[in-house]
Amino acid sequence: MAVVEVRQLQKTFKGKEAVRGLDFDLEQGKVIALLGPNGAGKTTTLRMLSGLLKPTNGTIRFSESSEEEDIRKYIGFLPQYPSFHTWMTGIEFLIYVGQLAHLSKAEAKERADQLLKKVGIADAANRRIGKYSGGMKQRLGIAQAMIHQPQLLMLDEPVSSLDPIGRREVLQLMEELKEQTTILFSTHILGDAEEICDELLLMHNGEILESGPIHELQTKHQTSLLEIITQDNPEMYIERLKSFESVDDCHLEKDKLLVAVNDMDKARTEILQAALQEKWPLIKFELRRTTLEEMFMKVVGG
């Protein structure tokens, strides 16, 4: 079921289109990556979805909302550069934002206690936020965005400024939180999207060029490429591989032979037969999966 439906979403700044007529749905219980380079329009899109920026044209419709209803109660949002009252403790801050979201003090306290445990910083509940690490602040920021139990949690570049440990902590947390809410996060870090997202919205120059489940998109843009690793010097097999009719090209990438083929079934049979007969010391022989980077560069014409 779609939590939110977006139709013909557009934003123009001083005559320049930053976002150009986006159409997409966000499905319940999914982690969706809004993927694209800096300047693609990701933050502008998130700000419109969060109600912080009014669209020039288009509609944003939540499944349970009426046409003129304030949609903020359905949304949790963590900007790329969140700000905190650093003199507050973590628990004080969450109670404060809970009351801003129209929870009673008792409800805010109960939710704050639950969320501090959920995001893994319960031990720091009474510590001043100014003493938190970057990863702890991101966890606290996610907790504040979840305090009112939104249908959609939006995170703008949630790990781009973190060290490797903090980044790993936040990515794992996002994977856990999809059991409670739909998550839309923007990123230009392809590996992060590939690691945790269920679906992609691939954005470039204000437009969505591709969208859908990540495995379907990778299959759609799958290259006919075999990856071969041998125990001995791989260069000695390049000319032999190029001799097969089913092979268009072969080159070495570090210790791997990358073989571009025109007929995968025929190439697999020919090469494996030759490897068996000629006793190649194979370590790895597999169809190379298209990475997000390769797919993105193909889609944007890079």
Protein backbone atom coordinates (compact mmCIF):
# COMPACT_ATOMS: atom_id res chain seq x y z
CA MET A 1 0.00 0.00 0.00
CA ALA A 2 1.26 3.47 -0.86
CA VAL A 3 1.84 5.67 2.18
CA VAL A 4 2.23 8.74 0.00
CA GLU A 5 1.50 9.54 -3.65
CA VAL A 6 3.39 12.31 -5.41
CA ARG A 7 2.13 13.64 -8.73
CA GLN A 8 3.73 16.23 -11.04
CA LEU A 9 5.76 17.76 -8.19
CA GLN A 10 7.60 20.85 -9.39
CA LYS A 11 9.64 23.63 -7.82
CA THR A 12 10.93 26.71 -9.59
CA PHE A 13 13.38 29.22 -8.13
CA LYS A 14 13.65 32.55 -9.98
CA GLY A 15 12.54 30.98 -13.24
CA LYS A 16 14.82 27.92 -12.93
CA GLU A 17 13.28 24.48 -12.44
CA ALA A 18 14.98 22.71 -9.53
CA VAL A 19 12.45 19.85 -9.52
CA ARG A 20 10.68 18.91 -12.74
CA GLY A 21 7.30 17.19 -12.45
CA LEU A 22 8.09 14.18 -10.24
CA ASP A 23 5.71 11.21 -10.06
CA PHE A 24 6.29 8.43 -7.52
CA ASP A 25 4.70 6.41 -4.71
CA LEU A 26 6.29 5.44 -1.40
CA GLU A 27 5.22 2.00 -0.19
CA GLN A 28 4.62 1.07 3.42
CA GLY A 29 7.48 -0.64 5.32
CA LYS A 30 10.15 0.11 2.72
CA VAL A 31 13.51 1.85 2.83
CA ILE A 32 13.67 4.03 -0.27
CA ALA A 33 16.84 5.81 -1.37
CA LEU A 34 16.53 9.13 -3.17
CA LEU A 35 19.78 8.79 -5.06
CA GLY A 36 21.61 11.41 -7.08
CA PRO A 37 24.62 13.72 -7.25
CA ASN A 38 24.82 17.02 -5.40
CA GLY A 39 22.46 19.50 -7.05
CA ALA A 40 20.09 16.84 -8.37
CA GLY A 41 17.14 18.27 -6.42
CA LYS A 42 17.04 15.76 -3.57
CA THR A 43 16.93 18.23 -0.67
CA THR A 44 14.36 20.42 -2.44
CA THR A 45 12.17 17.34 -2.93
CA LEU A 46 12.45 16.36 0.74
CA ARG A 47 11.68 19.89 1.88
CA MET A 48 8.51 19.90 -0.22
CA LEU A 49 7.48 16.50 1.13
CA SER A 50 8.05 17.70 4.68
CA GLY A 51 5.97 20.84 4.21
CA LEU A 52 8.94 23.17 4.69
CA LEU A 53 8.78 24.32 1.09
CA LYS A 54 5.67 24.99 -0.97
CA PRO A 55 5.65 23.30 -4.40
CA THR A 56 5.25 25.46 -7.48
CA ASN A 57 2.96 22.78 -8.89
CA GLY A 58 1.90 19.24 -8.11
CA THR A 59 0.32 17.28 -5.28
CA ILE A 60 1.52 15.30 -2.26
CA ARG A 61 -1.16 13.00 -0.87
CA PHE A 62 -0.87 10.78 2.21
CA SER A 63 -3.11 7.73 2.27
CA GLU A 64 -4.94 8.80 5.44
CA SER A 65 -5.03 12.56 4.84
CA SER A 66 -7.78 14.72 3.41
CA GLU A 67 -7.03 17.24 0.67
CA GLU A 68 -6.65 20.31 2.88
CA GLU A 69 -5.27 18.57 5.99
CA ASP A 70 -1.98 19.55 7.63
CA ILE A 71 0.30 16.66 6.70
CA ARG A 72 3.02 17.36 9.27
CA LYS A 73 1.62 14.82 11.72
CA TYR A 74 2.33 12.08 9.17
CA ILE A 75 5.97 13.12 8.69
CA GLY A 76 9.21 12.82 10.62
CA PHE A 77 12.15 14.77 9.16
CA LEU A 78 15.86 14.94 9.91
CA PRO A 79 17.69 17.62 7.88
CA GLN A 80 21.25 17.14 6.69
CA TYR A 81 22.58 19.55 9.32
CA PRO A 82 20.32 19.20 12.38
CA SER A 83 20.60 21.66 15.25
CA PHE A 84 20.07 20.85 18.91
CA HIS A 85 19.83 22.76 22.16
CA THR A 86 23.19 21.42 23.31
CA TRP A 87 22.62 22.49 26.91
CA MET A 88 19.68 20.08 27.12
CA THR A 89 20.04 16.39 27.93
CA GLY A 90 18.86 13.84 25.39
CA ILE A 91 15.73 12.99 27.36
CA GLU A 92 14.88 16.67 27.93
CA PHE A 93 15.19 17.37 24.21
CA LEU A 94 12.91 14.49 23.20
CA ILE A 95 10.25 15.47 25.75
CA TYR A 96 10.46 19.04 24.45
CA VAL A 97 9.96 18.07 20.78
CA GLY A 98 7.26 15.59 21.79
CA GLN A 99 5.27 18.38 23.40
CA LEU A 100 5.80 20.51 20.28
CA ALA A 101 4.17 17.64 18.40
CA HIS A 102 1.13 17.97 20.69
CA LEU A 103 1.89 15.01 22.96
CA SER A 104 1.19 15.41 26.64
CA LYS A 105 4.27 15.57 28.88
CA ALA A 106 3.56 12.04 30.14
CA GLU A 107 3.17 10.71 26.57
CA ALA A 108 6.34 12.51 25.46
CA LYS A 109 8.29 11.04 28.40
CA GLU A 110 7.07 7.53 27.65
CA ARG A 111 7.89 7.82 23.94
CA ALA A 112 11.27 9.41 24.70
CA ASP A 113 12.26 6.52 26.97
CA GLN A 114 11.22 4.00 24.32
CA LEU A 115 13.04 5.77 21.51
CA LEU A 116 16.27 6.29 23.43
CA LYS A 117 16.40 2.53 23.90
CA LYS A 118 15.41 1.89 20.29
CA VAL A 119 18.16 4.10 18.87
CA GLY A 120 20.74 2.76 21.30
CA ILE A 121 21.58 5.82 23.42
CA ALA A 122 19.53 5.15 26.57
CA ASP A 123 22.74 5.20 28.63
CA ALA A 124 23.29 8.81 27.52
CA ALA A 125 19.72 9.97 28.24
CA ASN A 126 20.82 12.33 31.03
CA ARG A 127 23.99 13.52 29.32
CA ARG A 128 24.06 16.99 27.75
CA ILE A 129 23.75 16.84 23.95
CA GLY A 130 26.90 18.96 23.63
CA LYS A 131 28.83 15.92 24.86
CA TYR A 132 27.34 13.57 22.25
CA SER A 133 29.42 12.20 19.35
CA GLY A 134 28.32 12.78 15.76
CA GLY A 135 26.76 9.32 15.55
CA MET A 136 24.90 9.83 18.82
CA LYS A 137 23.50 13.14 17.58
CA GLN A 138 22.24 11.48 14.40
CA ARG A 139 20.59 8.78 16.50
CA LEU A 140 18.99 11.47 18.68
CA GLY A 141 17.87 13.31 15.53
CA ILE A 142 16.19 10.17 14.23
CA ALA A 143 14.51 9.71 17.62
CA GLN A 144 13.09 13.24 17.54
CA ALA A 145 11.77 12.63 14.03
CA MET A 146 10.04 9.47 15.29
CA ILE A 147 8.59 10.92 18.52
CA HIS A 148 5.07 11.35 17.12
CA GLN A 149 5.06 7.97 15.30
CA PRO A 150 4.98 9.29 11.72
CA GLN A 151 3.97 7.26 8.69
CA LEU A 152 7.01 8.53 6.77
CA LEU A 153 10.49 9.16 8.14
CA MET A 154 12.64 11.36 5.88
CA LEU A 155 16.40 11.67 6.34
CA ASP A 156 18.51 14.09 4.29
CA GLU A 157 22.05 12.71 3.79
CA PRO A 158 21.92 11.00 7.21
CA VAL A 159 25.46 9.57 7.23
CA SER A 160 27.47 11.84 4.94
CA SER A 161 29.20 13.68 7.81
CA LEU A 162 29.85 10.68 10.04
CA ASP A 163 32.99 8.64 10.64
CA PRO A 164 32.91 4.94 9.61
CA ILE A 165 31.69 3.75 13.03
CA GLY A 166 28.92 6.35 13.26
CA ARG A 167 27.92 5.64 9.67
CA ARG A 168 27.61 1.93 10.35
CA GLU A 169 25.53 2.53 13.49
CA VAL A 170 23.03 4.78 11.69
CA LEU A 171 22.67 2.47 8.67
CA GLN A 172 21.91 -0.46 10.95
CA LEU A 173 19.37 1.64 12.83
CA MET A 174 17.61 2.60 9.60
CA GLU A 175 17.35 -1.08 8.66
CA GLU A 176 15.67 -1.80 12.00
CA LEU A 177 13.28 1.17 11.86
CA LYS A 178 11.59 0.11 8.62
CA GLU A 179 9.58 -2.35 10.74
CA GLN A 180 7.82 0.69 12.23
CA THR A 181 7.65 3.22 9.39
CA THR A 182 8.45 3.93 5.76
CA ILE A 183 11.88 5.54 5.36
CA LEU A 184 12.93 7.86 2.54
CA PHE A 185 16.54 8.99 2.68
CA SER A 186 18.56 11.05 0.27
CA THR A 187 22.17 10.24 -0.49
CA HIS A 188 24.89 10.60 -3.08
CA ILE A 189 26.83 7.69 -1.52
CA LEU A 190 26.01 4.79 -3.81
CA GLY A 191 27.27 2.08 -1.48
CA ASP A 192 24.92 3.14 1.32
CA ALA A 193 21.91 2.97 -0.96
CA GLU A 194 22.93 -0.42 -2.33
CA GLU A 195 23.43 -1.79 1.18
CA ILE A 196 20.12 -1.01 2.88
CA CYS A 197 17.45 0.24 0.48
CA ASP A 198 14.57 -1.81 -0.92
CA GLU A 199 13.72 0.67 -3.66
CA LEU A 200 15.40 3.50 -5.54
CA LEU A 201 14.39 6.87 -6.87
CA LEU A 202 17.28 7.77 -9.15
CA MET A 203 17.35 11.55 -9.60
CA HIS A 204 19.38 13.77 -11.94
CA ASN A 205 18.89 17.42 -12.94
CA GLY A 206 15.55 17.65 -11.10
CA GLU A 207 14.05 14.56 -12.74
CA ILE A 208 13.57 10.95 -11.70
CA LEU A 209 15.23 8.87 -14.39
CA GLU A 210 14.55 5.44 -12.87
CA SER A 211 12.48 4.12 -9.98
CA GLY A 212 11.57 0.75 -8.53
CA PRO A 213 12.93 -2.17 -6.50
CA ILE A 214 16.71 -2.20 -6.54
CA HIS A 215 17.03 -5.79 -7.77
CA GLU A 216 14.66 -5.11 -10.69
CA LEU A 217 16.62 -2.04 -11.76
CA GLN A 218 19.92 -3.91 -11.52
CA THR A 219 18.47 -6.71 -13.64
CA LYS A 220 17.12 -4.20 -16.16
CA HIS A 221 20.56 -2.62 -16.58
CA GLN A 222 22.52 -5.83 -16.19
CA THR A 223 25.61 -5.89 -18.38
CA SER A 224 26.65 -9.09 -20.14
CA LEU A 225 29.89 -9.33 -18.21
CA LEU A 226 31.67 -12.33 -16.72
CA GLU A 227 34.15 -11.98 -13.90
CA ILE A 228 36.98 -14.53 -13.80
CA ILE A 229 39.78 -14.95 -11.25
CA THR A 230 42.57 -17.53 -11.61
CA GLN A 231 45.35 -18.70 -9.32
CA ASP A 232 48.06 -17.91 -11.86
CA ASN A 233 48.76 -14.80 -13.97
CA PRO A 234 45.38 -13.76 -15.44
CA GLU A 235 46.95 -11.87 -18.37
CA MET A 236 47.87 -15.16 -20.03
CA TYR A 237 44.16 -15.88 -20.64
CA ILE A 238 43.16 -12.59 -22.28
CA GLU A 239 43.90 -13.55 -25.88
CA ARG A 240 42.43 -17.02 -25.40
CA LEU A 241 39.18 -15.52 -24.13
CA LYS A 242 39.04 -13.01 -27.00
CA SER A 243 39.21 -15.93 -29.45
CA PHE A 244 35.71 -17.12 -28.60
CA GLU A 245 32.92 -15.95 -30.91
CA SER A 246 30.69 -15.23 -27.93
CA VAL A 247 33.24 -12.80 -26.42
CA ASP A 248 33.34 -9.15 -27.52
CA ASP A 249 36.14 -7.96 -25.28
CA CYS A 250 38.28 -8.90 -22.30
CA HIS A 251 40.40 -6.75 -20.02
CA LEU A 252 42.14 -6.95 -16.70
CA GLU A 253 40.86 -5.00 -13.66
CA LYS A 254 43.34 -5.53 -10.81
CA ASP A 255 43.37 -9.33 -10.45
CA LYS A 256 40.06 -9.90 -12.25
CA LEU A 257 39.38 -10.70 -15.87
CA LEU A 258 36.26 -8.87 -17.04
CA VAL A 259 34.80 -10.55 -20.11
CA ALA A 260 32.15 -8.74 -22.17
CA VAL A 261 30.00 -11.26 -24.06
CA ASN A 262 27.32 -11.14 -26.73
CA ASP A 263 25.67 -14.45 -25.81
CA MET A 264 25.85 -15.29 -22.11
CA ASP A 265 24.71 -18.92 -22.36
CA LYS A 266 27.09 -19.72 -25.20
CA ALA A 267 29.99 -17.88 -23.54
CA ARG A 268 29.48 -19.68 -20.26
CA THR A 269 29.51 -23.08 -22.00
CA GLU A 270 32.51 -22.30 -24.25
CA ILE A 271 34.68 -20.80 -21.54
CA LEU A 272 33.95 -23.46 -18.92
CA GLN A 273 34.63 -26.24 -21.42
CA ALA A 274 37.96 -24.63 -22.32
CA ALA A 275 38.83 -24.11 -18.68
CA LEU A 276 38.12 -27.78 -17.95
CA GLN A 277 40.01 -29.13 -20.95
CA GLU A 278 42.97 -26.78 -20.55
CA LYS A 279 42.97 -27.07 -16.75
CA TRP A 280 42.67 -23.39 -15.89
CA PRO A 281 43.14 -22.89 -12.12
CA LEU A 282 39.83 -21.05 -11.64
CA ILE A 283 39.08 -19.38 -8.34
CA LYS A 284 36.01 -17.45 -9.44
CA PHE A 285 33.71 -17.57 -12.46
CA GLU A 286 30.46 -15.65 -12.25
CA LEU A 287 28.10 -13.26 -13.95
CA ARG A 288 29.06 -9.82 -12.69
CA ARG A 289 26.19 -8.02 -11.01
CA THR A 290 25.63 -4.44 -12.12
CA THR A 291 26.59 -2.07 -9.32
CA LEU A 292 24.61 1.06 -8.55
CA GLU A 293 27.53 3.13 -9.76
CA GLU A 294 27.56 1.36 -13.12
CA MET A 295 23.77 1.63 -13.39
CA PHE A 296 23.78 5.31 -12.47
CA MET A 297 26.50 6.18 -14.97
CA LYS A 298 24.65 4.26 -17.67
CA VAL A 299 21.33 5.99 -16.94
CA VAL A 300 22.70 9.53 -16.80
CA GLY A 301 24.85 8.98 -19.88
CA GLY A 302 28.17 9.10 -18.07
